[in-house]
Amino acid sequence: QLDKTHESRILQVLFRSEEGKAVAMLNVRVDPQPHVIDQTFRFYHPENSFLKKSVRLPPFITLPGGTVSGTGVCQLFVKSSEPHVILDCKPTQPGEPHDIFMKVALGASPQIKRFFVCAYIDPFLSRPAQIWQCYVHALQRVDVTCVEGQTSHLNLLLKGTQASRVVKCFTSHPQELQIAPQDPFILAAGTAHELSVAIRPLRTGSKFFYLNIVDIEYHQLVRSWLLCASCRSPIVSR
C-alpha cells in the first residue's frame, strides 16, 4: 500500500552482538518522495454500483525493466492503494499485451474515489513498472427511453448551495442534448431551480450523456448527472 504522507521520519537501527548486547545504534532519516505517475484515468459511473473496467497495457517488452527476449509466460503483478479495489492481471505469452481488470464499489453521488494502481514485473514487488492514478466519479443516474429522431423531454431539480452562485449548464453531446436555460443564471442559496432537458439521440441503442453544472466565476463543479438513454427505432407503419 502506498504511503499517503510525505512527512520525514526517524528510524532507529540497532546492531547487537551474538550475546545480544547492543553494539551500535544508527538513526536513519527517511524523506518520502512523491512517486511518478505514468497515467491518470478518470471514470464516470452510476452511483451505488460496481465499476468494472479493463485497461490494456502495451507489450511486455516495452515496459521499463522488461526483457527483450525470453521464454515462458509473462506475468504482471498489480496492487492497489485502496484495499477495497479488486485488481487482476492474467498471464500472457511473450509479446502479447496485458489487460488489467479492476472492480470498484461506488457509493452515493457525488462521491469521488481516488486510488493508485501499481504494476510490477517481479513477484517480490520490488519496483513498479507502471503507476496509475485513478479517479472514479459516482454520478446520479437518470434513465431515459427515447425514439430515434424524436425529442424526449424531462425535468431535473437543481438545489442551491450555501452561497449564491452564477452557474451554467454544459453537456457532453450538445447536438443531441439541450438544456434550458442555456445562458448563465443565478442559483440562489438554499433554493431549487428546475432544468428542462431535451434529448434526441441520433442512433439506436444505449448511450451515456453527461450534464455538468459549473460555477463560471470560481470554476467549480456544482452538480453532475449521468443520463442513460435507451433509444429504439420508430415504428414503421408502411
C-alpha atoms as a PDB file:
ATOM      1  CA  GLN A   1       0.000   0.000   0.000  1.00  0.00           C
ATOM      2  CA  LEU A   2       1.291   3.421  -0.944  1.00  0.00           C
ATOM      3  CA  ASP A   3       2.202   5.796   1.835  1.00  0.00           C
ATOM      4  CA  LYS A   4      -0.228   8.718   1.911  1.00  0.00           C
ATOM      5  CA  THR A   5       2.041  11.016   3.943  1.00  0.00           C
ATOM      6  CA  HIS A   6       5.221  12.765   2.880  1.00  0.00           C
ATOM      7  CA  GLU A   7       6.466  13.621   6.358  1.00  0.00           C
ATOM      8  CA  SER A   8      10.040  12.821   7.331  1.00  0.00           C
ATOM      9  CA  ARG A   9      10.579  10.037   9.852  1.00  0.00           C
ATOM     10  CA  ILE A  10      13.485   8.899  12.005  1.00  0.00           C
ATOM     11  CA  LEU A  11      14.085   5.148  12.218  1.00  0.00           C
ATOM     12  CA  GLN A  12      16.433   3.524  14.706  1.00  0.00           C
ATOM     13  CA  VAL A  13      18.589   0.587  13.606  1.00  0.00           C
ATOM     14  CA  LEU A  14      20.152  -1.388  16.465  1.00  0.00           C
ATOM     15  CA  PHE A  15      23.201  -3.634  15.969  1.00  0.00           C
ATOM     16  CA  ARG A  16      23.595  -6.441  18.514  1.00  0.00           C
ATOM     17  CA  SER A  17      26.385  -8.899  19.179  1.00  0.00           C
ATOM     18  CA  GLU A  18      25.978 -12.652  19.387  1.00  0.00           C
ATOM     19  CA  GLU A  19      25.440 -12.274  23.131  1.00  0.00           C
ATOM     20  CA  GLY A  20      22.540  -9.892  22.491  1.00  0.00           C
ATOM     21  CA  LYS A  21      24.321  -6.767  23.694  1.00  0.00           C
ATOM     22  CA  ALA A  22      23.839  -3.502  21.824  1.00  0.00           C
ATOM     23  CA  VAL A  23      26.979  -2.646  19.856  1.00  0.00           C
ATOM     24  CA  ALA A  24      25.849   0.381  17.890  1.00  0.00           C
ATOM     25  CA  MET A  25      22.747   2.395  17.147  1.00  0.00           C
ATOM     26  CA  LEU A  26      22.051   4.116  13.861  1.00  0.00           C
ATOM     27  CA  ASN A  27      19.433   6.807  13.285  1.00  0.00           C
ATOM     28  CA  VAL A  28      18.121   6.759   9.714  1.00  0.00           C
ATOM     29  CA  ARG A  29      16.128   9.715   8.451  1.00  0.00           C
ATOM     30  CA  VAL A  30      13.608   8.774   5.777  1.00  0.00           C
ATOM     31  CA  ASP A  31      12.294  11.509   3.473  1.00  0.00           C
ATOM     32  CA  PRO A  32       9.471  10.044   1.350  1.00  0.00           C
ATOM     33  CA  GLN A  33       9.296  11.406  -2.177  1.00  0.00           C
ATOM     34  CA  PRO A  34       6.127  11.511  -4.288  1.00  0.00           C
ATOM     35  CA  HIS A  35       6.029   8.746  -6.848  1.00  0.00           C
ATOM     36  CA  VAL A  36       5.940   9.380 -10.581  1.00  0.00           C
ATOM     37  CA  ILE A  37       2.501   8.993 -12.174  1.00  0.00           C
ATOM     38  CA  ASP A  38       2.679   7.330 -15.586  1.00  0.00           C
ATOM     39  CA  GLN A  39      -1.003   7.739 -16.467  1.00  0.00           C
ATOM     40  CA  THR A  40      -4.130   9.277 -14.987  1.00  0.00           C
ATOM     41  CA  PHE A  41      -7.559   7.773 -15.605  1.00  0.00           C
ATOM     42  CA  ARG A  42     -10.896   9.389 -14.815  1.00  0.00           C
ATOM     43  CA  PHE A  43     -14.046   7.256 -14.917  1.00  0.00           C
ATOM     44  CA  TYR A  44     -17.709   8.236 -14.567  1.00  0.00           C
ATOM     45  CA  HIS A  45     -20.205   5.655 -13.363  1.00  0.00           C
ATOM     46  CA  PRO A  46     -23.686   5.491 -11.807  1.00  0.00           C
ATOM     47  CA  GLU A  47     -23.866   5.730  -8.032  1.00  0.00           C
ATOM     48  CA  ASN A  48     -24.317   2.698  -5.738  1.00  0.00           C
ATOM     49  CA  SER A  49     -22.956   0.264  -8.319  1.00  0.00           C
ATOM     50  CA  PHE A  50     -19.756  -1.522  -9.332  1.00  0.00           C
ATOM     51  CA  LEU A  51     -17.373  -0.126 -11.915  1.00  0.00           C
ATOM     52  CA  LYS A  52     -15.814  -2.909 -13.990  1.00  0.00           C
ATOM     53  CA  LYS A  53     -13.057  -1.830 -16.356  1.00  0.00           C
ATOM     54  CA  SER A  54     -10.313  -3.451 -18.377  1.00  0.00           C
ATOM     55  CA  VAL A  55      -7.284  -1.328 -19.267  1.00  0.00           C
ATOM     56  CA  ARG A  56      -4.762  -2.679 -21.770  1.00  0.00           C
ATOM     57  CA  LEU A  57      -1.040  -2.192 -21.279  1.00  0.00           C
ATOM     58  CA  PRO A  58       1.490  -2.108 -24.122  1.00  0.00           C
ATOM     59  CA  PRO A  59       3.514  -5.278 -24.855  1.00  0.00           C
ATOM     60  CA  PHE A  60       5.670  -6.588 -22.043  1.00  0.00           C
ATOM     61  CA  ILE A  61       8.984  -5.788 -23.746  1.00  0.00           C
ATOM     62  CA  THR A  62       8.148  -2.063 -23.961  1.00  0.00           C
ATOM     63  CA  LEU A  63       7.720  -1.673 -20.197  1.00  0.00           C
ATOM     64  CA  PRO A  64      10.673  -0.464 -18.113  1.00  0.00           C
ATOM     65  CA  GLY A  65      12.606  -3.467 -16.851  1.00  0.00           C
ATOM     66  CA  GLY A  66      11.028  -5.904 -19.275  1.00  0.00           C
ATOM     67  CA  THR A  67      13.177  -8.486 -21.014  1.00  0.00           C
ATOM     68  CA  VAL A  68      13.681  -8.143 -24.746  1.00  0.00           C
ATOM     69  CA  SER A  69      13.560 -11.865 -25.347  1.00  0.00           C
ATOM     70  CA  GLY A  70      12.744 -14.890 -23.282  1.00  0.00           C
ATOM     71  CA  THR A  71      10.606 -17.978 -22.975  1.00  0.00           C
ATOM     72  CA  GLY A  72       7.703 -18.827 -20.763  1.00  0.00           C
ATOM     73  CA  VAL A  73       4.607 -16.922 -19.723  1.00  0.00           C
ATOM     74  CA  CYS A  74       4.997 -13.255 -18.823  1.00  0.00           C
ATOM     75  CA  GLN A  75       3.119 -12.108 -15.749  1.00  0.00           C
ATOM     76  CA  LEU A  76       2.384  -8.687 -14.312  1.00  0.00           C
ATOM     77  CA  PHE A  77       1.538  -8.282 -10.629  1.00  0.00           C
ATOM     78  CA  VAL A  78      -0.870  -5.461  -9.787  1.00  0.00           C
ATOM     79  CA  LYS A  79      -1.610  -3.857  -6.432  1.00  0.00           C
ATOM     80  CA  SER A  80      -3.931  -1.045  -5.393  1.00  0.00           C
ATOM     81  CA  SER A  81      -3.526   1.610  -2.716  1.00  0.00           C
ATOM     82  CA  GLU A  82      -7.199   1.086  -1.822  1.00  0.00           C
ATOM     83  CA  PRO A  83      -7.854  -2.314  -0.194  1.00  0.00           C
ATOM     84  CA  HIS A  84     -11.471  -2.396  -1.424  1.00  0.00           C
ATOM     85  CA  VAL A  85     -10.435  -2.143  -5.094  1.00  0.00           C
ATOM     86  CA  ILE A  86     -10.144  -5.553  -6.777  1.00  0.00           C
ATOM     87  CA  LEU A  87      -7.395  -5.902  -9.409  1.00  0.00           C
ATOM     88  CA  ASP A  88      -6.330  -8.821 -11.577  1.00  0.00           C
ATOM     89  CA  CYS A  89      -3.953  -9.417 -14.484  1.00  0.00           C
ATOM     90  CA  LYS A  90      -3.821 -12.739 -16.335  1.00  0.00           C
ATOM     91  CA  PRO A  91      -0.556 -14.245 -17.653  1.00  0.00           C
ATOM     92  CA  THR A  92       0.117 -13.796 -21.359  1.00  0.00           C
ATOM     93  CA  GLN A  93       2.549 -15.080 -23.938  1.00  0.00           C
ATOM     94  CA  PRO A  94       5.684 -13.021 -24.718  1.00  0.00           C
ATOM     95  CA  GLY A  95       4.928 -10.089 -26.992  1.00  0.00           C
ATOM     96  CA  GLU A  96       1.216 -10.002 -26.206  1.00  0.00           C
ATOM     97  CA  PRO A  97      -0.391  -7.046 -24.390  1.00  0.00           C
ATOM     98  CA  HIS A  98      -1.578  -7.252 -20.797  1.00  0.00           C
ATOM     99  CA  ASP A  99      -5.084  -6.445 -19.591  1.00  0.00           C
ATOM    100  CA  ILE A 100      -5.557  -5.119 -16.067  1.00  0.00           C
ATOM    101  CA  PHE A 101      -9.051  -5.729 -14.735  1.00  0.00           C
ATOM    102  CA  MET A 102     -10.421  -3.534 -11.962  1.00  0.00           C
ATOM    103  CA  LYS A 103     -13.622  -3.638  -9.942  1.00  0.00           C
ATOM    104  CA  VAL A 104     -14.553  -0.649  -7.779  1.00  0.00           C
ATOM    105  CA  ALA A 105     -17.579  -0.307  -5.497  1.00  0.00           C
ATOM    106  CA  LEU A 106     -19.169   3.151  -5.576  1.00  0.00           C
ATOM    107  CA  GLY A 107     -21.310   4.933  -3.028  1.00  0.00           C
ATOM    108  CA  ALA A 108     -23.817   7.732  -3.359  1.00  0.00           C
ATOM    109  CA  SER A 109     -23.294  10.776  -5.577  1.00  0.00           C
ATOM    110  CA  PRO A 110     -21.199  12.962  -5.583  1.00  0.00           C
ATOM    111  CA  GLN A 111     -18.568  10.581  -4.183  1.00  0.00           C
ATOM    112  CA  ILE A 112     -15.149  10.620  -5.863  1.00  0.00           C
ATOM    113  CA  LYS A 113     -12.796   7.695  -5.270  1.00  0.00           C
ATOM    114  CA  ARG A 114      -9.093   8.253  -5.799  1.00  0.00           C
ATOM    115  CA  PHE A 115      -6.588   5.415  -5.710  1.00  0.00           C
ATOM    116  CA  PHE A 116      -3.324   4.268  -7.255  1.00  0.00           C
ATOM    117  CA  VAL A 117      -2.635   1.153  -9.303  1.00  0.00           C
ATOM    118  CA  CYS A 118       0.914  -0.253  -9.310  1.00  0.00           C
ATOM    119  CA  ALA A 119       2.035  -2.832 -11.872  1.00  0.00           C
ATOM    120  CA  TYR A 120       5.129  -4.885 -11.025  1.00  0.00           C
ATOM    121  CA  ILE A 121       7.204  -7.172 -13.216  1.00  0.00           C
ATOM    122  CA  ASP A 122       8.725  -9.297 -10.440  1.00  0.00           C
ATOM    123  CA  PRO A 123       6.683 -11.296  -7.894  1.00  0.00           C
ATOM    124  CA  PHE A 124       8.559  -9.651  -4.994  1.00  0.00           C
ATOM    125  CA  LEU A 125       7.039  -6.241  -5.859  1.00  0.00           C
ATOM    126  CA  SER A 126      10.431  -4.560  -5.620  1.00  0.00           C
ATOM    127  CA  ARG A 127       9.970  -1.840  -8.225  1.00  0.00           C
ATOM    128  CA  PRO A 128       6.781  -0.738 -10.022  1.00  0.00           C
ATOM    129  CA  ALA A 129       6.884  -0.706 -13.809  1.00  0.00           C
ATOM    130  CA  GLN A 130       3.756   1.451 -14.080  1.00  0.00           C
ATOM    131  CA  ILE A 131       1.897   3.664 -11.582  1.00  0.00           C
ATOM    132  CA  TRP A 132      -1.587   4.875 -12.438  1.00  0.00           C
ATOM    133  CA  GLN A 133      -3.717   7.444 -10.687  1.00  0.00           C
ATOM    134  CA  CYS A 134      -7.424   6.668 -10.974  1.00  0.00           C
ATOM    135  CA  TYR A 135     -10.457   8.816 -10.215  1.00  0.00           C
ATOM    136  CA  VAL A 136     -13.942   7.309 -10.185  1.00  0.00           C
ATOM    137  CA  HIS A 137     -16.883   9.728 -10.040  1.00  0.00           C
ATOM    138  CA  ALA A 138     -20.205   8.437  -8.732  1.00  0.00           C
ATOM    139  CA  LEU A 139     -22.970  10.296 -10.569  1.00  0.00           C
ATOM    140  CA  GLN A 140     -26.717  10.352 -10.124  1.00  0.00           C
ATOM    141  CA  ARG A 141     -28.203   8.216 -12.859  1.00  0.00           C
ATOM    142  CA  VAL A 142     -31.302   9.202 -14.812  1.00  0.00           C
ATOM    143  CA  ASP A 143     -32.773   6.632 -17.230  1.00  0.00           C
ATOM    144  CA  VAL A 144     -34.500   7.933 -20.348  1.00  0.00           C
ATOM    145  CA  THR A 145     -36.359   5.983 -23.042  1.00  0.00           C
ATOM    146  CA  CYS A 146     -36.218   7.639 -26.460  1.00  0.00           C
ATOM    147  CA  VAL A 147     -37.207   7.084 -30.066  1.00  0.00           C
ATOM    148  CA  GLU A 148     -34.663   7.658 -32.808  1.00  0.00           C
ATOM    149  CA  GLY A 149     -35.049  11.111 -34.341  1.00  0.00           C
ATOM    150  CA  GLN A 150     -37.684  12.226 -31.806  1.00  0.00           C
ATOM    151  CA  THR A 151     -37.191  14.580 -28.872  1.00  0.00           C
ATOM    152  CA  SER A 152     -37.892  13.447 -25.317  1.00  0.00           C
ATOM    153  CA  HIS A 153     -38.321  15.974 -22.516  1.00  0.00           C
ATOM    154  CA  LEU A 154     -37.643  15.683 -18.794  1.00  0.00           C
ATOM    155  CA  ASN A 155     -37.034  17.985 -15.838  1.00  0.00           C
ATOM    156  CA  LEU A 156     -34.183  17.913 -13.321  1.00  0.00           C
ATOM    157  CA  LEU A 157     -34.190  19.637  -9.946  1.00  0.00           C
ATOM    158  CA  LEU A 158     -31.051  21.623  -9.121  1.00  0.00           C
ATOM    159  CA  LYS A 159     -30.676  22.513  -5.443  1.00  0.00           C
ATOM    160  CA  GLY A 160     -28.758  25.593  -4.379  1.00  0.00           C
ATOM    161  CA  THR A 161     -25.696  25.518  -2.153  1.00  0.00           C
ATOM    162  CA  GLN A 162     -24.970  27.529   0.990  1.00  0.00           C
ATOM    163  CA  ALA A 163     -23.920  30.546  -1.085  1.00  0.00           C
ATOM    164  CA  SER A 164     -25.377  32.092  -4.225  1.00  0.00           C
ATOM    165  CA  ARG A 165     -23.560  31.227  -7.444  1.00  0.00           C
ATOM    166  CA  VAL A 166     -23.556  32.148 -11.112  1.00  0.00           C
ATOM    167  CA  VAL A 167     -23.740  28.812 -12.899  1.00  0.00           C
ATOM    168  CA  LYS A 168     -24.021  27.488 -16.424  1.00  0.00           C
ATOM    169  CA  CYS A 169     -25.029  24.122 -17.879  1.00  0.00           C
ATOM    170  CA  PHE A 170     -22.634  22.099 -20.023  1.00  0.00           C
ATOM    171  CA  THR A 171     -23.367  18.839 -21.837  1.00  0.00           C
ATOM    172  CA  SER A 172     -21.156  16.163 -23.347  1.00  0.00           C
ATOM    173  CA  HIS A 173     -23.216  15.989 -26.582  1.00  0.00           C
ATOM    174  CA  PRO A 174     -24.609  19.445 -27.456  1.00  0.00           C
ATOM    175  CA  GLN A 175     -26.115  18.210 -30.738  1.00  0.00           C
ATOM    176  CA  GLU A 176     -28.211  15.536 -29.024  1.00  0.00           C
ATOM    177  CA  LEU A 177     -28.769  17.012 -25.556  1.00  0.00           C
ATOM    178  CA  GLN A 178     -30.010  20.552 -24.944  1.00  0.00           C
ATOM    179  CA  ILE A 179     -30.615  22.275 -21.615  1.00  0.00           C
ATOM    180  CA  ALA A 180     -32.769  25.253 -20.715  1.00  0.00           C
ATOM    181  CA  PRO A 181     -31.645  27.753 -19.592  1.00  0.00           C
ATOM    182  CA  GLN A 182     -28.590  27.756 -21.850  1.00  0.00           C
ATOM    183  CA  ASP A 183     -27.276  31.111 -20.620  1.00  0.00           C
ATOM    184  CA  PRO A 184     -25.643  31.617 -17.199  1.00  0.00           C
ATOM    185  CA  PHE A 185     -28.111  32.150 -14.356  1.00  0.00           C
ATOM    186  CA  ILE A 186     -28.001  32.883 -10.641  1.00  0.00           C
ATOM    187  CA  LEU A 187     -28.510  29.885  -8.371  1.00  0.00           C
ATOM    188  CA  ALA A 188     -29.649  31.462  -5.121  1.00  0.00           C
ATOM    189  CA  ALA A 189     -28.564  29.922  -1.837  1.00  0.00           C
ATOM    190  CA  GLY A 190     -30.976  27.402  -0.345  1.00  0.00           C
ATOM    191  CA  THR A 191     -33.346  27.443  -3.316  1.00  0.00           C
ATOM    192  CA  ALA A 192     -34.206  24.954  -6.041  1.00  0.00           C
ATOM    193  CA  HIS A 193     -34.088  25.514  -9.783  1.00  0.00           C
ATOM    194  CA  GLU A 194     -35.790  23.369 -12.393  1.00  0.00           C
ATOM    195  CA  LEU A 195     -33.852  22.478 -15.534  1.00  0.00           C
ATOM    196  CA  SER A 196     -35.603  21.492 -18.746  1.00  0.00           C
ATOM    197  CA  VAL A 197     -33.777  18.768 -20.660  1.00  0.00           C
ATOM    198  CA  ALA A 198     -34.443  17.862 -24.288  1.00  0.00           C
ATOM    199  CA  ILE A 199     -32.717  14.747 -25.592  1.00  0.00           C
ATOM    200  CA  ARG A 200     -32.784  13.414 -29.152  1.00  0.00           C
ATOM    201  CA  PRO A 201     -30.372  10.531 -29.845  1.00  0.00           C
ATOM    202  CA  LEU A 202     -29.260  10.141 -33.441  1.00  0.00           C
ATOM    203  CA  ARG A 203     -28.722   6.369 -33.253  1.00  0.00           C
ATOM    204  CA  THR A 204     -30.488   3.432 -31.700  1.00  0.00           C
ATOM    205  CA  GLY A 205     -29.041   1.613 -28.716  1.00  0.00           C
ATOM    206  CA  SER A 206     -27.790   2.671 -25.289  1.00  0.00           C
ATOM    207  CA  LYS A 207     -25.758   5.825 -24.793  1.00  0.00           C
ATOM    208  CA  PHE A 208     -24.461   7.857 -21.854  1.00  0.00           C
ATOM    209  CA  PHE A 209     -24.768  11.652 -21.670  1.00  0.00           C
ATOM    210  CA  TYR A 210     -23.067  13.840 -19.075  1.00  0.00           C
ATOM    211  CA  LEU A 211     -24.636  17.015 -17.723  1.00  0.00           C
ATOM    212  CA  ASN A 212     -22.497  19.312 -15.570  1.00  0.00           C
ATOM    213  CA  ILE A 213     -23.475  22.457 -13.689  1.00  0.00           C
ATOM    214  CA  VAL A 214     -20.402  24.681 -13.304  1.00  0.00           C
ATOM    215  CA  ASP A 215     -19.806  27.842 -11.285  1.00  0.00           C
ATOM    216  CA  ILE A 216     -18.364  30.090 -14.003  1.00  0.00           C
ATOM    217  CA  GLU A 217     -16.900  32.597 -11.523  1.00  0.00           C
ATOM    218  CA  TYR A 218     -14.879  30.157  -9.399  1.00  0.00           C
ATOM    219  CA  HIS A 219     -14.698  27.329 -11.980  1.00  0.00           C
ATOM    220  CA  GLN A 220     -16.154  24.779  -9.574  1.00  0.00           C
ATOM    221  CA  LEU A 221     -18.355  21.799 -10.354  1.00  0.00           C
ATOM    222  CA  VAL A 222     -21.692  22.235  -8.584  1.00  0.00           C
ATOM    223  CA  ARG A 223     -23.662  19.190  -9.773  1.00  0.00           C
ATOM    224  CA  SER A 224     -23.410  16.335 -12.284  1.00  0.00           C
ATOM    225  CA  TRP A 225     -25.886  13.931 -13.821  1.00  0.00           C
ATOM    226  CA  LEU A 226     -25.425  10.796 -15.879  1.00  0.00           C
ATOM    227  CA  LEU A 227     -28.236  10.406 -18.398  1.00  0.00           C
ATOM    228  CA  CYS A 228     -28.595   6.837 -19.662  1.00  0.00           C
ATOM    229  CA  ALA A 229     -30.618   6.925 -22.868  1.00  0.00           C
ATOM    230  CA  SER A 230     -32.131   3.788 -24.350  1.00  0.00           C
ATOM    231  CA  CYS A 231     -33.082   4.620 -27.917  1.00  0.00           C
ATOM    232  CA  ARG A 232     -35.255   2.393 -30.119  1.00  0.00           C
ATOM    233  CA  SER A 233     -36.222   2.616 -33.757  1.00  0.00           C
ATOM    234  CA  PRO A 234     -39.526   4.280 -34.644  1.00  0.00           C
ATOM    235  CA  ILE A 235     -42.495   2.115 -35.505  1.00  0.00           C
ATOM    236  CA  VAL A 236     -42.828   1.853 -39.280  1.00  0.00           C
ATOM    237  CA  SER A 237     -46.471   1.726 -40.346  1.00  0.00           C
ATOM    238  CA  ARG A 238     -45.777   1.218 -44.034  1.00  0.00           C
END
